[in-house]
Amino acid sequence: MTTYHELDPVEAKIAARDVSVFYGDQQALDRVSIDIGTEYVTAFIGPSGCGKSTLLRTFNRMNDTIANARVEGEVRLDGVDIYRSDLDVVQLRARVGMVFQKPNPFPKSIYENVAYGPRIHGLAVNRTELDAIVERSLRRAGLWDEVKDRLSDSGTALSGGQQQRLCIARAIAVDPEVILMDEPCSALDPIATARIEELIGELKGRYAIVIVTHSMQQAARVSQRTAFFHLGRMVEYGKTSDIFTNPREERTKDYITGRYG
């Protein structure tokens, strides 16, 4: 059984205990226990294939979409086991939104990209309420001023960075409690990346945010907590400043200093 990495005496938004993930006969994650709070941004770092994205996908059951995936252990959202057989996965994914590596706006208008979720979840009773949700979401995503005069244009016509902010607006439009970001800047240029990082800072504290990133510099800039993964295990988890300046584990130090990865 792995060590339970407890950070602060805060009530965890997400609590994972001894989570292992298998794809067929291959084990991708080995008994990871971690708490995710709302008060800070948590970054997952580590070499490619180390399990960080796999763990992220356990938080909203995205691994359900992979035929041979099997999850063991426990993941709780506000104390409720999200792998219960009677849990509504659609509602779970409304509460735990996800932004992917490659911007993936729907082939619909900018307005409809954001309005789609609130409409199917019944969050607006009329067009006025829907308009307000769309504007609020686009404002929170830092995109409103750039698109307010062309909401009927296709979301796919936006630049890469704008598309990613549109995807963030789409995620927050259903009023989630957690936002998962799987390398959200890896397909973006430095200017667009800086804008997304600024946006993460603005959203901090309003949502529990977890970001998987291959960039240690990005983790240092945007997060207050960092977990380092290696070969399917979580090696170390703590305050970002401690992980980068005074890691407890030799493997963490080797990765941070560029000896491998």
C-alpha atoms as a PDB file:
ATOM      1  CA  MET A   1       0.000   0.000   0.000  1.00  0.00           C
ATOM      2  CA  THR A   2       1.400   3.371  -0.970  1.00  0.00           C
ATOM      3  CA  THR A   3       1.894   6.269   1.373  1.00  0.00           C
ATOM      4  CA  TYR A   4      -1.105   8.604   1.583  1.00  0.00           C
ATOM      5  CA  HIS A   5       0.063  12.089   0.677  1.00  0.00           C
ATOM      6  CA  GLU A   6      -1.964  14.461   2.815  1.00  0.00           C
ATOM      7  CA  LEU A   7      -1.308  18.164   2.378  1.00  0.00           C
ATOM      8  CA  ASP A   8      -3.500  20.596   4.248  1.00  0.00           C
ATOM      9  CA  PRO A   9      -6.324  20.051   6.736  1.00  0.00           C
ATOM     10  CA  VAL A  10      -8.812  21.090   4.051  1.00  0.00           C
ATOM     11  CA  GLU A  11     -11.726  18.987   2.965  1.00  0.00           C
ATOM     12  CA  ALA A  12     -10.673  17.373  -0.303  1.00  0.00           C
ATOM     13  CA  LYS A  13     -12.830  18.026  -3.334  1.00  0.00           C
ATOM     14  CA  ILE A  14     -11.456  14.854  -4.888  1.00  0.00           C
ATOM     15  CA  ALA A  15      -9.949  12.097  -2.766  1.00  0.00           C
ATOM     16  CA  ALA A  16      -8.259   9.184  -4.536  1.00  0.00           C
ATOM     17  CA  ARG A  17      -7.167   6.146  -2.544  1.00  0.00           C
ATOM     18  CA  ASP A  18      -4.953   3.362  -3.892  1.00  0.00           C
ATOM     19  CA  VAL A  19      -6.033   3.950  -7.484  1.00  0.00           C
ATOM     20  CA  SER A  20      -4.606   1.523 -10.030  1.00  0.00           C
ATOM     21  CA  VAL A  21      -5.467   1.541 -13.739  1.00  0.00           C
ATOM     22  CA  PHE A  22      -4.975  -1.287 -16.208  1.00  0.00           C
ATOM     23  CA  TYR A  23      -5.293  -1.286 -19.988  1.00  0.00           C
ATOM     24  CA  GLY A  24      -5.759  -4.965 -20.680  1.00  0.00           C
ATOM     25  CA  ASP A  25      -2.796  -6.712 -19.071  1.00  0.00           C
ATOM     26  CA  GLN A  26      -0.710  -3.544 -18.888  1.00  0.00           C
ATOM     27  CA  GLN A  27      -0.718  -1.573 -15.635  1.00  0.00           C
ATOM     28  CA  ALA A  28      -0.591   2.180 -16.243  1.00  0.00           C
ATOM     29  CA  LEU A  29      -1.061   3.409 -12.668  1.00  0.00           C
ATOM     30  CA  ASP A  30      -0.045   1.741  -9.416  1.00  0.00           C
ATOM     31  CA  ARG A  31      -1.895   2.474  -6.142  1.00  0.00           C
ATOM     32  CA  VAL A  32      -1.964   6.265  -6.190  1.00  0.00           C
ATOM     33  CA  SER A  33      -3.504   8.171  -3.274  1.00  0.00           C
ATOM     34  CA  ILE A  34      -3.948  11.933  -3.514  1.00  0.00           C
ATOM     35  CA  ASP A  35      -6.254  14.736  -2.342  1.00  0.00           C
ATOM     36  CA  ILE A  36      -7.257  17.575  -4.648  1.00  0.00           C
ATOM     37  CA  GLY A  37      -8.526  20.792  -3.068  1.00  0.00           C
ATOM     38  CA  THR A  38     -10.389  23.799  -4.462  1.00  0.00           C
ATOM     39  CA  GLU A  39      -8.044  26.351  -2.922  1.00  0.00           C
ATOM     40  CA  TYR A  40      -5.212  25.834  -5.380  1.00  0.00           C
ATOM     41  CA  VAL A  41      -4.142  24.635  -8.819  1.00  0.00           C
ATOM     42  CA  THR A  42      -2.584  21.173  -8.795  1.00  0.00           C
ATOM     43  CA  ALA A  43      -0.079  20.192 -11.496  1.00  0.00           C
ATOM     44  CA  PHE A  44       0.832  16.648 -12.523  1.00  0.00           C
ATOM     45  CA  ILE A  45       4.338  16.366 -13.985  1.00  0.00           C
ATOM     46  CA  GLY A  46       6.568  13.522 -15.122  1.00  0.00           C
ATOM     47  CA  PRO A  47       7.961  11.825 -18.231  1.00  0.00           C
ATOM     48  CA  SER A  48       5.685  10.673 -21.064  1.00  0.00           C
ATOM     49  CA  GLY A  49       3.818   7.502 -20.179  1.00  0.00           C
ATOM     50  CA  CYS A  50       4.238   7.937 -16.426  1.00  0.00           C
ATOM     51  CA  GLY A  51       0.506   7.813 -15.618  1.00  0.00           C
ATOM     52  CA  LYS A  52      -0.335  11.475 -15.058  1.00  0.00           C
ATOM     53  CA  SER A  53      -3.011  11.715 -17.793  1.00  0.00           C
ATOM     54  CA  THR A  54      -4.340   8.290 -16.821  1.00  0.00           C
ATOM     55  CA  LEU A  55      -4.948   9.510 -13.255  1.00  0.00           C
ATOM     56  CA  LEU A  56      -6.557  12.708 -14.535  1.00  0.00           C
ATOM     57  CA  ARG A  57      -9.032  10.658 -16.570  1.00  0.00           C
ATOM     58  CA  THR A  58     -10.051   8.629 -13.508  1.00  0.00           C
ATOM     59  CA  PHE A  59     -11.475  11.815 -11.956  1.00  0.00           C
ATOM     60  CA  ASN A  60     -14.360  12.010 -14.444  1.00  0.00           C
ATOM     61  CA  ARG A  61     -14.408   8.401 -15.625  1.00  0.00           C
ATOM     62  CA  MET A  62     -13.038   9.145 -19.074  1.00  0.00           C
ATOM     63  CA  ASN A  63     -11.328   5.764 -18.894  1.00  0.00           C
ATOM     64  CA  ASP A  64     -14.835   4.284 -19.265  1.00  0.00           C
ATOM     65  CA  THR A  65     -14.565   5.154 -22.958  1.00  0.00           C
ATOM     66  CA  ILE A  66     -11.594   2.770 -23.401  1.00  0.00           C
ATOM     67  CA  ALA A  67     -12.817  -0.799 -23.939  1.00  0.00           C
ATOM     68  CA  ASN A  68     -10.111  -2.684 -22.040  1.00  0.00           C
ATOM     69  CA  ALA A  69      -9.537  -0.170 -19.223  1.00  0.00           C
ATOM     70  CA  ARG A  70     -10.028  -1.258 -15.604  1.00  0.00           C
ATOM     71  CA  VAL A  71      -9.851   0.983 -12.551  1.00  0.00           C
ATOM     72  CA  GLU A  72      -9.222  -0.308  -9.027  1.00  0.00           C
ATOM     73  CA  GLY A  73      -9.249   1.657  -5.791  1.00  0.00           C
ATOM     74  CA  GLU A  74     -11.495   4.524  -4.851  1.00  0.00           C
ATOM     75  CA  VAL A  75     -12.140   8.028  -6.174  1.00  0.00           C
ATOM     76  CA  ARG A  76     -14.519  10.239  -4.210  1.00  0.00           C
ATOM     77  CA  LEU A  77     -16.009  13.601  -5.204  1.00  0.00           C
ATOM     78  CA  ASP A  78     -17.299  15.438  -2.124  1.00  0.00           C
ATOM     79  CA  GLY A  79     -17.125  12.111  -0.307  1.00  0.00           C
ATOM     80  CA  VAL A  80     -19.197  10.178  -2.872  1.00  0.00           C
ATOM     81  CA  ASP A  81     -17.644   7.235  -4.728  1.00  0.00           C
ATOM     82  CA  ILE A  82     -17.754   8.204  -8.430  1.00  0.00           C
ATOM     83  CA  TYR A  83     -17.344   4.565  -9.526  1.00  0.00           C
ATOM     84  CA  ARG A  84     -20.641   3.496  -7.924  1.00  0.00           C
ATOM     85  CA  SER A  85     -22.733   1.514 -10.393  1.00  0.00           C
ATOM     86  CA  ASP A  86     -25.737   3.816  -9.947  1.00  0.00           C
ATOM     87  CA  LEU A  87     -23.800   7.057 -10.512  1.00  0.00           C
ATOM     88  CA  ASP A  88     -24.947   9.260 -13.420  1.00  0.00           C
ATOM     89  CA  VAL A  89     -21.763   9.663 -15.478  1.00  0.00           C
ATOM     90  CA  VAL A  90     -23.261  12.500 -17.566  1.00  0.00           C
ATOM     91  CA  GLN A  91     -23.901  14.499 -14.404  1.00  0.00           C
ATOM     92  CA  LEU A  92     -20.437  13.630 -13.118  1.00  0.00           C
ATOM     93  CA  ARG A  93     -18.828  15.065 -16.260  1.00  0.00           C
ATOM     94  CA  ALA A  94     -20.897  18.226 -15.876  1.00  0.00           C
ATOM     95  CA  ARG A  95     -19.450  18.623 -12.364  1.00  0.00           C
ATOM     96  CA  VAL A  96     -15.939  17.623 -13.455  1.00  0.00           C
ATOM     97  CA  GLY A  97     -15.207  19.389 -16.738  1.00  0.00           C
ATOM     98  CA  MET A  98     -12.285  18.578 -19.004  1.00  0.00           C
ATOM     99  CA  VAL A  99     -10.136  20.543 -21.432  1.00  0.00           C
ATOM    100  CA  PHE A 100      -8.058  18.449 -23.786  1.00  0.00           C
ATOM    101  CA  GLN A 101      -4.612  18.761 -25.304  1.00  0.00           C
ATOM    102  CA  LYS A 102      -5.899  19.722 -28.741  1.00  0.00           C
ATOM    103  CA  PRO A 103      -8.628  22.369 -28.869  1.00  0.00           C
ATOM    104  CA  ASN A 104     -11.815  20.574 -29.914  1.00  0.00           C
ATOM    105  CA  PRO A 105     -14.667  23.050 -30.414  1.00  0.00           C
ATOM    106  CA  PHE A 106     -17.892  21.628 -31.793  1.00  0.00           C
ATOM    107  CA  PRO A 107     -18.528  22.362 -35.502  1.00  0.00           C
ATOM    108  CA  LYS A 108     -21.116  24.904 -34.401  1.00  0.00           C
ATOM    109  CA  SER A 109     -21.223  28.636 -33.806  1.00  0.00           C
ATOM    110  CA  ILE A 110     -19.274  30.216 -30.965  1.00  0.00           C
ATOM    111  CA  TYR A 111     -22.589  30.813 -29.181  1.00  0.00           C
ATOM    112  CA  GLU A 112     -23.784  27.231 -29.621  1.00  0.00           C
ATOM    113  CA  ASN A 113     -20.461  25.809 -28.395  1.00  0.00           C
ATOM    114  CA  VAL A 114     -21.050  27.466 -25.039  1.00  0.00           C
ATOM    115  CA  ALA A 115     -24.857  27.148 -24.960  1.00  0.00           C
ATOM    116  CA  TYR A 116     -24.947  23.433 -25.756  1.00  0.00           C
ATOM    117  CA  GLY A 117     -24.143  22.128 -22.263  1.00  0.00           C
ATOM    118  CA  PRO A 118     -26.436  24.457 -20.294  1.00  0.00           C
ATOM    119  CA  ARG A 119     -29.244  23.682 -22.737  1.00  0.00           C
ATOM    120  CA  ILE A 120     -29.020  19.867 -22.421  1.00  0.00           C
ATOM    121  CA  HIS A 121     -28.615  20.090 -18.639  1.00  0.00           C
ATOM    122  CA  GLY A 122     -31.607  22.416 -18.296  1.00  0.00           C
ATOM    123  CA  LEU A 123     -29.643  25.252 -16.702  1.00  0.00           C
ATOM    124  CA  ALA A 124     -31.570  27.989 -18.524  1.00  0.00           C
ATOM    125  CA  VAL A 125     -35.344  28.313 -18.807  1.00  0.00           C
ATOM    126  CA  ASN A 126     -35.327  30.834 -21.645  1.00  0.00           C
ATOM    127  CA  ARG A 127     -33.124  32.540 -24.222  1.00  0.00           C
ATOM    128  CA  THR A 128     -32.370  35.485 -21.922  1.00  0.00           C
ATOM    129  CA  GLU A 129     -30.929  33.198 -19.261  1.00  0.00           C
ATOM    130  CA  LEU A 130     -28.977  31.253 -21.899  1.00  0.00           C
ATOM    131  CA  ASP A 131     -27.552  34.501 -23.305  1.00  0.00           C
ATOM    132  CA  ALA A 132     -26.421  35.470 -19.806  1.00  0.00           C
ATOM    133  CA  ILE A 133     -24.691  32.103 -19.255  1.00  0.00           C
ATOM    134  CA  VAL A 134     -22.917  32.341 -22.618  1.00  0.00           C
ATOM    135  CA  GLU A 135     -21.683  35.869 -21.930  1.00  0.00           C
ATOM    136  CA  ARG A 136     -20.595  35.054 -18.370  1.00  0.00           C
ATOM    137  CA  SER A 137     -18.720  31.937 -19.493  1.00  0.00           C
ATOM    138  CA  LEU A 138     -16.962  33.734 -22.340  1.00  0.00           C
ATOM    139  CA  ARG A 139     -16.024  36.571 -19.981  1.00  0.00           C
ATOM    140  CA  ARG A 140     -14.578  34.127 -17.436  1.00  0.00           C
ATOM    141  CA  ALA A 141     -12.611  32.496 -20.254  1.00  0.00           C
ATOM    142  CA  GLY A 142     -11.240  35.900 -21.287  1.00  0.00           C
ATOM    143  CA  LEU A 143     -12.787  35.634 -24.743  1.00  0.00           C
ATOM    144  CA  TRP A 144     -15.909  37.821 -24.682  1.00  0.00           C
ATOM    145  CA  ASP A 145     -14.348  41.031 -25.945  1.00  0.00           C
ATOM    146  CA  GLU A 146     -12.777  39.192 -28.884  1.00  0.00           C
ATOM    147  CA  VAL A 147     -15.920  37.381 -30.059  1.00  0.00           C
ATOM    148  CA  LYS A 148     -18.959  39.331 -28.800  1.00  0.00           C
ATOM    149  CA  ASP A 149     -19.662  40.751 -32.277  1.00  0.00           C
ATOM    150  CA  ARG A 150     -19.377  37.399 -34.081  1.00  0.00           C
ATOM    151  CA  LEU A 151     -21.090  34.865 -31.865  1.00  0.00           C
ATOM    152  CA  SER A 152     -22.722  33.290 -34.929  1.00  0.00           C
ATOM    153  CA  ASP A 153     -19.333  32.519 -36.517  1.00  0.00           C
ATOM    154  CA  SER A 154     -18.047  28.959 -36.353  1.00  0.00           C
ATOM    155  CA  GLY A 155     -15.969  28.086 -33.300  1.00  0.00           C
ATOM    156  CA  THR A 156     -13.552  26.243 -35.575  1.00  0.00           C
ATOM    157  CA  ALA A 157     -12.721  29.520 -37.370  1.00  0.00           C
ATOM    158  CA  LEU A 158     -11.011  30.923 -34.262  1.00  0.00           C
ATOM    159  CA  SER A 159      -7.252  30.790 -33.712  1.00  0.00           C
ATOM    160  CA  GLY A 160      -5.836  27.859 -31.735  1.00  0.00           C
ATOM    161  CA  GLY A 161      -5.528  29.855 -28.537  1.00  0.00           C
ATOM    162  CA  GLN A 162      -9.042  31.261 -28.920  1.00  0.00           C
ATOM    163  CA  GLN A 163     -10.401  27.783 -29.596  1.00  0.00           C
ATOM    164  CA  GLN A 164      -8.835  26.522 -26.374  1.00  0.00           C
ATOM    165  CA  ARG A 165     -10.368  29.408 -24.413  1.00  0.00           C
ATOM    166  CA  LEU A 166     -13.694  28.601 -26.095  1.00  0.00           C
ATOM    167  CA  CYS A 167     -13.328  25.013 -24.850  1.00  0.00           C
ATOM    168  CA  ILE A 168     -12.680  26.369 -21.355  1.00  0.00           C
ATOM    169  CA  ALA A 169     -15.786  28.584 -21.660  1.00  0.00           C
ATOM    170  CA  ARG A 170     -17.734  25.513 -22.785  1.00  0.00           C
ATOM    171  CA  ALA A 171     -16.475  23.561 -19.757  1.00  0.00           C
ATOM    172  CA  ILE A 172     -17.382  26.253 -17.219  1.00  0.00           C
ATOM    173  CA  ALA A 173     -20.782  27.025 -18.804  1.00  0.00           C
ATOM    174  CA  VAL A 174     -22.350  24.032 -17.015  1.00  0.00           C
ATOM    175  CA  ASP A 175     -21.122  25.398 -13.684  1.00  0.00           C
ATOM    176  CA  PRO A 176     -18.623  22.648 -12.844  1.00  0.00           C
ATOM    177  CA  GLU A 177     -16.824  22.249  -9.545  1.00  0.00           C
ATOM    178  CA  VAL A 178     -13.620  20.774 -10.985  1.00  0.00           C
ATOM    179  CA  ILE A 179     -11.738  21.551 -14.213  1.00  0.00           C
ATOM    180  CA  LEU A 180      -9.278  18.982 -15.534  1.00  0.00           C
ATOM    181  CA  MET A 181      -6.753  20.211 -18.105  1.00  0.00           C
ATOM    182  CA  ASP A 182      -4.736  17.646 -20.047  1.00  0.00           C
ATOM    183  CA  GLU A 183      -1.723  19.515 -21.476  1.00  0.00           C
ATOM    184  CA  PRO A 184      -3.989  22.392 -22.591  1.00  0.00           C
ATOM    185  CA  CYS A 185      -1.147  24.472 -24.053  1.00  0.00           C
ATOM    186  CA  SER A 186       0.916  21.853 -25.874  1.00  0.00           C
ATOM    187  CA  ALA A 187      -0.592  22.770 -29.268  1.00  0.00           C
ATOM    188  CA  LEU A 188      -0.389  26.534 -28.688  1.00  0.00           C
ATOM    189  CA  ASP A 189       2.194  29.226 -29.401  1.00  0.00           C
ATOM    190  CA  PRO A 190       3.888  31.101 -26.512  1.00  0.00           C
ATOM    191  CA  ILE A 191       1.495  34.073 -26.618  1.00  0.00           C
ATOM    192  CA  ALA A 192      -1.611  31.863 -26.523  1.00  0.00           C
ATOM    193  CA  THR A 193       0.023  29.753 -23.808  1.00  0.00           C
ATOM    194  CA  ALA A 194       0.623  32.837 -21.677  1.00  0.00           C
ATOM    195  CA  ARG A 195      -3.043  33.797 -22.066  1.00  0.00           C
ATOM    196  CA  ILE A 196      -4.229  30.354 -20.948  1.00  0.00           C
ATOM    197  CA  GLU A 197      -1.862  30.445 -17.964  1.00  0.00           C
ATOM    198  CA  GLU A 198      -3.189  33.868 -17.011  1.00  0.00           C
ATOM    199  CA  LEU A 199      -6.714  32.492 -17.299  1.00  0.00           C
ATOM    200  CA  ILE A 200      -5.881  29.552 -15.008  1.00  0.00           C
ATOM    201  CA  GLY A 201      -4.727  32.089 -12.424  1.00  0.00           C
ATOM    202  CA  GLU A 202      -8.012  33.973 -12.744  1.00  0.00           C
ATOM    203  CA  LEU A 203     -10.072  30.789 -12.308  1.00  0.00           C
ATOM    204  CA  LYS A 204      -8.071  29.558  -9.310  1.00  0.00           C
ATOM    205  CA  GLY A 205     -10.136  29.210  -6.153  1.00  0.00           C
ATOM    206  CA  ARG A 206     -13.418  29.255  -8.052  1.00  0.00           C
ATOM    207  CA  TYR A 207     -12.875  25.689  -9.224  1.00  0.00           C
ATOM    208  CA  ALA A 208     -10.610  22.839  -8.208  1.00  0.00           C
ATOM    209  CA  ILE A 209      -8.156  22.841 -11.135  1.00  0.00           C
ATOM    210  CA  VAL A 210      -5.815  20.009 -12.088  1.00  0.00           C
ATOM    211  CA  ILE A 211      -3.404  20.468 -14.980  1.00  0.00           C
ATOM    212  CA  VAL A 212      -1.260  17.809 -16.611  1.00  0.00           C
ATOM    213  CA  THR A 213       1.765  19.445 -18.202  1.00  0.00           C
ATOM    214  CA  HIS A 214       4.994  18.290 -19.802  1.00  0.00           C
ATOM    215  CA  SER A 215       6.462  21.726 -19.016  1.00  0.00           C
ATOM    216  CA  MET A 216       8.036  22.036 -15.585  1.00  0.00           C
ATOM    217  CA  GLN A 217       8.249  25.802 -16.122  1.00  0.00           C
ATOM    218  CA  GLN A 218       4.494  25.915 -16.664  1.00  0.00           C
ATOM    219  CA  ALA A 219       3.841  23.847 -13.545  1.00  0.00           C
ATOM    220  CA  ALA A 220       6.027  26.240 -11.552  1.00  0.00           C
ATOM    221  CA  ARG A 221       4.165  29.260 -12.964  1.00  0.00           C
ATOM    222  CA  VAL A 222       0.532  28.173 -12.605  1.00  0.00           C
ATOM    223  CA  SER A 223       0.302  25.687  -9.726  1.00  0.00           C
ATOM    224  CA  GLN A 224       0.505  25.791  -5.961  1.00  0.00           C
ATOM    225  CA  ARG A 225       0.670  21.989  -5.590  1.00  0.00           C
ATOM    226  CA  THR A 226       2.648  19.562  -7.759  1.00  0.00           C
ATOM    227  CA  ALA A 227       2.629  15.784  -8.012  1.00  0.00           C
ATOM    228  CA  PHE A 228       5.542  14.032  -9.733  1.00  0.00           C
ATOM    229  CA  PHE A 229       4.873  10.697 -11.421  1.00  0.00           C
ATOM    230  CA  HIS A 230       7.302   8.076 -12.674  1.00  0.00           C
ATOM    231  CA  LEU A 231       6.594   4.611 -14.112  1.00  0.00           C
ATOM    232  CA  GLY A 232       2.954   4.645 -13.034  1.00  0.00           C
ATOM    233  CA  ARG A 233       3.587   5.701  -9.465  1.00  0.00           C
ATOM    234  CA  MET A 234       3.274   9.030  -7.700  1.00  0.00           C
ATOM    235  CA  VAL A 235       6.758   9.640  -6.346  1.00  0.00           C
ATOM    236  CA  GLU A 236       6.159  12.908  -4.552  1.00  0.00           C
ATOM    237  CA  TYR A 237       3.367  15.411  -3.928  1.00  0.00           C
ATOM    238  CA  GLY A 238       3.596  18.730  -2.143  1.00  0.00           C
ATOM    239  CA  LYS A 239       3.790  22.475  -2.416  1.00  0.00           C
ATOM    240  CA  THR A 240       5.068  23.451  -5.854  1.00  0.00           C
ATOM    241  CA  SER A 241       7.802  25.621  -4.375  1.00  0.00           C
ATOM    242  CA  ASP A 242       9.070  22.670  -2.313  1.00  0.00           C
ATOM    243  CA  ILE A 243       8.955  20.208  -5.204  1.00  0.00           C
ATOM    244  CA  PHE A 244      11.056  22.484  -7.407  1.00  0.00           C
ATOM    245  CA  THR A 245      13.510  23.815  -4.831  1.00  0.00           C
ATOM    246  CA  ASN A 246      13.763  21.134  -2.167  1.00  0.00           C
ATOM    247  CA  PRO A 247      12.356  17.773  -3.336  1.00  0.00           C
ATOM    248  CA  ARG A 248      12.389  14.967  -0.807  1.00  0.00           C
ATOM    249  CA  GLU A 249      12.880  12.158  -3.326  1.00  0.00           C
ATOM    250  CA  GLU A 250      16.012  11.589  -5.387  1.00  0.00           C
ATOM    251  CA  ARG A 251      13.973  10.654  -8.467  1.00  0.00           C
ATOM    252  CA  THR A 252      12.125  13.972  -8.272  1.00  0.00           C
ATOM    253  CA  LYS A 253      15.415  15.842  -8.007  1.00  0.00           C
ATOM    254  CA  ASP A 254      16.828  13.949 -10.998  1.00  0.00           C
ATOM    255  CA  TYR A 255      13.773  14.797 -13.121  1.00  0.00           C
ATOM    256  CA  ILE A 256      13.685  18.452 -12.073  1.00  0.00           C
ATOM    257  CA  THR A 257      17.381  18.884 -12.831  1.00  0.00           C
ATOM    258  CA  GLY A 258      17.061  17.220 -16.230  1.00  0.00           C
ATOM    259  CA  ARG A 259      18.947  14.000 -15.539  1.00  0.00           C
ATOM    260  CA  TYR A 260      16.167  12.031 -17.209  1.00  0.00           C
ATOM    261  CA  GLY A 261      12.742  12.495 -18.783  1.00  0.00           C
END
